Protein backbone atom coordinates (compact mmCIF):
# COMPACT_ATOMS: atom_id res chain seq x y z
CA LEU A 1 -79.17 -23.46 -3.13
CA SER A 2 -77.15 -20.41 -3.51
CA ALA A 3 -77.74 -20.33 -7.25
CA GLU A 4 -81.48 -20.90 -6.80
CA PHE A 5 -81.67 -18.05 -4.23
CA THR A 6 -79.76 -15.63 -6.57
CA ALA A 7 -81.93 -16.52 -9.52
CA LEU A 8 -85.09 -15.98 -7.49
CA ASP A 9 -83.82 -12.68 -6.11
CA GLN A 10 -82.94 -11.47 -9.59
CA TYR A 11 -86.33 -12.51 -10.96
CA LEU A 12 -88.27 -10.76 -8.13
CA SER A 13 -86.23 -7.62 -8.45
CA ARG A 14 -87.24 -7.40 -12.20
CA SER A 15 -90.83 -8.62 -11.72
CA VAL A 16 -91.87 -6.48 -8.66
CA GLY A 17 -90.74 -2.90 -8.76
CA PRO A 18 -90.76 -0.20 -6.10
CA ASP A 19 -93.85 1.45 -7.70
CA ASP A 20 -96.20 -1.29 -6.49
CA PRO A 21 -95.46 -1.79 -2.81
CA ASP A 22 -98.80 -3.30 -1.93
CA GLU A 23 -98.38 -6.24 -4.47
CA ALA A 24 -94.73 -6.73 -3.50
CA TRP A 25 -95.32 -6.99 0.32
CA PRO A 26 -95.97 -10.72 0.51
CA ILE A 27 -93.01 -11.55 -1.96
CA LYS A 28 -90.64 -9.35 -0.05
CA THR A 29 -91.65 -10.82 3.24
CA GLY A 30 -91.24 -14.32 1.84
CA LEU A 31 -87.91 -13.39 0.38
CA ALA A 32 -86.80 -12.05 3.68
CA ARG A 33 -87.73 -15.28 5.34
CA VAL A 34 -85.99 -17.37 2.83
CA GLN A 35 -82.84 -15.29 3.21
CA HIS A 36 -83.01 -15.73 7.05
CA PHE A 37 -83.27 -19.52 6.86
CA TYR A 38 -80.67 -19.73 4.11
CA GLU A 39 -78.20 -17.87 6.35
CA PHE A 40 -79.16 -20.08 9.31
CA LEU A 41 -78.58 -23.18 7.23
CA LEU A 42 -75.12 -22.00 6.02
CA LYS A 43 -74.08 -21.20 9.78
CA GLU A 44 -75.38 -24.72 10.84
CA ALA A 45 -73.54 -26.37 8.03
CA ASP A 46 -70.27 -24.65 8.99
CA GLU A 47 -70.72 -25.58 12.69
CA GLY A 48 -71.62 -29.17 11.74
CA GLN A 49 -68.46 -29.40 9.79
CA ALA A 50 -66.40 -28.43 12.76
CA ILE A 51 -68.14 -31.02 14.92
CA TRP A 52 -67.49 -33.79 12.39
CA GLU A 53 -63.76 -32.77 12.23
CA ARG A 54 -63.55 -33.22 15.97
CA LEU A 55 -65.34 -36.65 15.82
CA ASP A 56 -63.04 -37.86 13.08
CA ASN A 57 -60.01 -37.02 15.25
CA PRO A 58 -60.99 -38.02 18.75
CA GLU A 59 -58.69 -37.70 21.72
CA PRO A 60 -57.53 -40.94 23.30
CA VAL A 61 -59.78 -42.13 26.11
CA SER A 62 -57.81 -43.26 29.30
CA ASP A 63 -59.16 -45.98 31.64
CA GLU A 64 -59.82 -43.34 34.22
CA THR A 65 -61.99 -41.29 31.85
CA PHE A 66 -63.89 -44.40 30.61
CA HIS A 67 -64.60 -45.53 34.16
CA SER A 68 -65.76 -42.05 35.22
CA ALA A 69 -68.11 -41.76 32.20
CA MET A 70 -69.40 -45.30 32.77
CA ALA A 71 -70.10 -44.51 36.41
CA GLU A 72 -72.00 -41.35 35.47
CA VAL A 73 -74.05 -43.04 32.86
CA THR A 74 -74.82 -45.89 35.24
CA GLY A 75 -75.83 -43.60 38.05
CA VAL A 76 -78.17 -41.67 35.74
CA LEU A 77 -79.83 -44.81 34.29
CA ASP A 78 -80.14 -46.46 37.62
CA ALA A 79 -81.77 -43.32 39.15
CA MET A 80 -84.28 -43.35 36.34
CA GLN A 81 -84.84 -47.07 37.02
CA VAL A 82 -84.06 -47.91 33.39
CA ASP A 83 -82.99 -51.45 32.49
CA TRP A 84 -79.59 -51.26 30.63
CA TRP A 85 -76.64 -53.39 29.61
CA PRO A 86 -73.42 -52.89 27.76
CA THR A 87 -73.44 -53.91 24.07
CA ILE A 88 -71.14 -54.29 21.03
CA GLY A 89 -67.39 -53.60 21.86
CA THR A 90 -67.97 -52.77 25.48
CA LEU A 91 -69.75 -56.14 26.12
CA ILE A 92 -67.15 -58.06 24.15
CA ALA A 93 -64.38 -56.47 26.14
CA LEU A 94 -66.14 -56.95 29.49
CA LEU A 95 -66.78 -60.69 28.62
CA ARG A 96 -63.24 -61.28 27.44
CA HIS A 97 -61.28 -59.40 30.06
CA GLY A 98 -63.66 -58.19 32.83
CA ARG A 99 -62.70 -54.65 31.88
CA ARG A 100 -62.51 -52.49 28.74
CA ASN A 101 -59.28 -53.80 27.50
CA GLY A 102 -56.77 -56.64 28.10
CA ARG A 103 -53.80 -58.60 26.77
CA LEU A 104 -54.12 -61.15 24.01
CA SER A 105 -52.08 -64.36 23.74
CA ARG A 106 -49.23 -62.69 21.76
CA GLY A 107 -48.88 -59.88 24.26
CA LEU A 108 -50.91 -57.49 22.15
CA ASN A 109 -53.22 -54.99 23.84
CA ASP A 110 -56.89 -55.81 22.91
CA VAL A 111 -58.96 -52.67 22.83
CA VAL A 112 -62.49 -53.53 21.64
């Protein structure tokens, strides 16, 4: 995107000179809008990268944190009168152990 923007900027600089401001106005306005959105997208991409880095290296979740979050979600969904149920790993753990984790037969900790 950067190369395309630079090429467009150079072309417009050669094609529309300062001697013809009336003809250049829509092009200059469009170019300013492109520059604005280009800078916005670059900033968003940088911020998005930081978020993905945090998601790739999550902090451990304690049982206390898990139960607190689950109680909060349950309260919100119940207040909204939404039908809900646990799925995937949470459902498997609840069916196996009645909580989010438990011990397996060889003494290993099962965290689903």
